[in-house]
Protein backbone atom coordinates (compact mmCIF):
# COMPACT_ATOMS: atom_id res chain seq x y z
CA UNK A 1 0.00 0.00 0.00
CA UNK A 2 1.22 3.45 -0.84
CA UNK A 3 2.51 5.40 2.16
CA UNK A 4 0.84 8.60 1.00
CA UNK A 5 -2.54 6.89 0.74
CA UNK A 6 -2.16 5.53 4.24
CA UNK A 7 -1.34 9.04 5.47
CA UNK A 8 -4.50 10.33 3.79
CA UNK A 9 -6.59 7.72 5.62
CA UNK A 10 -5.10 8.91 8.89
CA UNK A 11 -5.15 12.66 8.22
CA UNK A 12 -8.71 12.99 6.91
CA UNK A 13 -10.48 11.82 10.09
CA UNK A 14 -8.06 13.85 12.19
CA UNK A 15 -8.78 17.01 10.20
CA UNK A 16 -12.54 16.40 10.44
CA UNK A 17 -12.18 15.87 14.19
CA UNK A 18 -10.11 19.04 14.51
CA UNK A 19 -12.54 21.15 12.51
CA UNK A 20 -15.44 20.08 14.72
CA UNK A 21 -14.26 22.64 17.26
CA UNK A 22 -14.89 25.51 14.83
CA UNK A 23 -18.44 26.83 14.64
CA UNK A 24 -18.76 27.85 10.99
CA UNK A 25 -22.39 28.85 11.44
CA UNK A 26 -21.39 31.93 13.45
CA UNK A 27 -19.25 33.23 10.59
CA UNK A 28 -21.66 32.53 7.74
CA UNK A 29 -25.24 33.42 6.88
CA UNK A 30 -28.08 31.70 8.69
CA UNK A 31 -30.15 28.93 7.13
CA UNK A 32 -27.33 27.90 4.78
CA UNK A 33 -26.79 24.45 6.29
CA UNK A 34 -25.85 22.62 3.09
CA UNK A 35 -23.35 25.29 2.11
CA UNK A 36 -21.76 25.16 5.58
CA UNK A 37 -21.46 21.37 5.32
CA UNK A 38 -19.84 21.63 1.89
CA UNK A 39 -17.41 24.25 3.19
CA UNK A 40 -16.67 22.03 6.20
CA UNK A 41 -15.94 19.06 3.94
CA UNK A 42 -13.74 21.08 1.57
CA UNK A 43 -11.80 22.60 4.46
CA UNK A 44 -11.18 19.16 5.91
CA UNK A 45 -9.97 17.87 2.54
CA UNK A 46 -7.66 20.84 2.09
CA UNK A 47 -6.30 20.56 5.61
CA UNK A 48 -5.62 16.84 5.25
CA UNK A 49 -3.97 17.41 1.84
CA UNK A 50 -1.63 20.02 3.31
CA UNK A 51 -0.83 17.89 6.35
CA UNK A 52 -0.09 14.76 4.31
CA UNK A 53 2.13 16.59 1.85
CA UNK A 54 4.03 18.24 4.69
CA UNK A 55 4.55 14.95 6.56
CA UNK A 56 5.50 13.11 3.38
CA UNK A 57 8.03 15.77 2.38
CA UNK A 58 9.54 15.76 5.85
CA UNK A 59 9.79 11.97 5.68
CA UNK A 60 11.48 12.05 2.26
CA UNK A 61 13.91 14.81 3.22
CA UNK A 62 14.82 13.17 6.52
CA UNK A 63 15.93 10.00 4.73
CA UNK A 64 18.33 12.05 2.60
CA UNK A 65 20.23 13.40 5.60
C-alpha atoms as a PDB file:
ATOM      1  CA  UNK A   1       0.000   0.000   0.000  1.00  0.00           C
ATOM      2  CA  UNK A   2       1.224   3.446  -0.841  1.00  0.00           C
ATOM      3  CA  UNK A   3       2.509   5.404   2.161  1.00  0.00           C
ATOM      4  CA  UNK A   4       0.842   8.602   1.003  1.00  0.00           C
ATOM      5  CA  UNK A   5      -2.541   6.891   0.739  1.00  0.00           C
ATOM      6  CA  UNK A   6      -2.156   5.533   4.245  1.00  0.00           C
ATOM      7  CA  UNK A   7      -1.341   9.041   5.471  1.00  0.00           C
ATOM      8  CA  UNK A   8      -4.503  10.329   3.793  1.00  0.00           C
ATOM      9  CA  UNK A   9      -6.588   7.716   5.619  1.00  0.00           C
ATOM     10  CA  UNK A  10      -5.097   8.911   8.887  1.00  0.00           C
ATOM     11  CA  UNK A  11      -5.147  12.664   8.220  1.00  0.00           C
ATOM     12  CA  UNK A  12      -8.705  12.992   6.914  1.00  0.00           C
ATOM     13  CA  UNK A  13     -10.480  11.818  10.087  1.00  0.00           C
ATOM     14  CA  UNK A  14      -8.058  13.848  12.186  1.00  0.00           C
ATOM     15  CA  UNK A  15      -8.776  17.005  10.200  1.00  0.00           C
ATOM     16  CA  UNK A  16     -12.542  16.404  10.445  1.00  0.00           C
ATOM     17  CA  UNK A  17     -12.182  15.868  14.187  1.00  0.00           C
ATOM     18  CA  UNK A  18     -10.113  19.039  14.511  1.00  0.00           C
ATOM     19  CA  UNK A  19     -12.539  21.152  12.511  1.00  0.00           C
ATOM     20  CA  UNK A  20     -15.444  20.078  14.722  1.00  0.00           C
ATOM     21  CA  UNK A  21     -14.261  22.640  17.263  1.00  0.00           C
ATOM     22  CA  UNK A  22     -14.888  25.512  14.827  1.00  0.00           C
ATOM     23  CA  UNK A  23     -18.445  26.827  14.637  1.00  0.00           C
ATOM     24  CA  UNK A  24     -18.764  27.847  10.991  1.00  0.00           C
ATOM     25  CA  UNK A  25     -22.393  28.853  11.437  1.00  0.00           C
ATOM     26  CA  UNK A  26     -21.386  31.926  13.448  1.00  0.00           C
ATOM     27  CA  UNK A  27     -19.252  33.229  10.586  1.00  0.00           C
ATOM     28  CA  UNK A  28     -21.663  32.533   7.745  1.00  0.00           C
ATOM     29  CA  UNK A  29     -25.239  33.424   6.880  1.00  0.00           C
ATOM     30  CA  UNK A  30     -28.076  31.704   8.694  1.00  0.00           C
ATOM     31  CA  UNK A  31     -30.154  28.928   7.131  1.00  0.00           C
ATOM     32  CA  UNK A  32     -27.327  27.895   4.782  1.00  0.00           C
ATOM     33  CA  UNK A  33     -26.792  24.446   6.290  1.00  0.00           C
ATOM     34  CA  UNK A  34     -25.855  22.621   3.091  1.00  0.00           C
ATOM     35  CA  UNK A  35     -23.351  25.292   2.115  1.00  0.00           C
ATOM     36  CA  UNK A  36     -21.764  25.164   5.575  1.00  0.00           C
ATOM     37  CA  UNK A  37     -21.465  21.372   5.320  1.00  0.00           C
ATOM     38  CA  UNK A  38     -19.839  21.632   1.891  1.00  0.00           C
ATOM     39  CA  UNK A  39     -17.415  24.246   3.194  1.00  0.00           C
ATOM     40  CA  UNK A  40     -16.667  22.033   6.204  1.00  0.00           C
ATOM     41  CA  UNK A  41     -15.937  19.061   3.939  1.00  0.00           C
ATOM     42  CA  UNK A  42     -13.743  21.079   1.569  1.00  0.00           C
ATOM     43  CA  UNK A  43     -11.796  22.603   4.457  1.00  0.00           C
ATOM     44  CA  UNK A  44     -11.184  19.157   5.913  1.00  0.00           C
ATOM     45  CA  UNK A  45      -9.966  17.870   2.540  1.00  0.00           C
ATOM     46  CA  UNK A  46      -7.665  20.845   2.092  1.00  0.00           C
ATOM     47  CA  UNK A  47      -6.297  20.556   5.614  1.00  0.00           C
ATOM     48  CA  UNK A  48      -5.622  16.840   5.247  1.00  0.00           C
ATOM     49  CA  UNK A  49      -3.970  17.412   1.836  1.00  0.00           C
ATOM     50  CA  UNK A  50      -1.625  20.019   3.310  1.00  0.00           C
ATOM     51  CA  UNK A  51      -0.832  17.887   6.351  1.00  0.00           C
ATOM     52  CA  UNK A  52      -0.093  14.762   4.310  1.00  0.00           C
ATOM     53  CA  UNK A  53       2.128  16.588   1.853  1.00  0.00           C
ATOM     54  CA  UNK A  54       4.032  18.238   4.692  1.00  0.00           C
ATOM     55  CA  UNK A  55       4.550  14.948   6.555  1.00  0.00           C
ATOM     56  CA  UNK A  56       5.496  13.112   3.378  1.00  0.00           C
ATOM     57  CA  UNK A  57       8.032  15.772   2.379  1.00  0.00           C
ATOM     58  CA  UNK A  58       9.544  15.758   5.854  1.00  0.00           C
ATOM     59  CA  UNK A  59       9.789  11.968   5.682  1.00  0.00           C
ATOM     60  CA  UNK A  60      11.481  12.053   2.262  1.00  0.00           C
ATOM     61  CA  UNK A  61      13.906  14.811   3.218  1.00  0.00           C
ATOM     62  CA  UNK A  62      14.817  13.172   6.517  1.00  0.00           C
ATOM     63  CA  UNK A  63      15.934  10.003   4.725  1.00  0.00           C
ATOM     64  CA  UNK A  64      18.326  12.046   2.597  1.00  0.00           C
ATOM     65  CA  UNK A  65      20.226  13.396   5.595  1.00  0.00           C
END
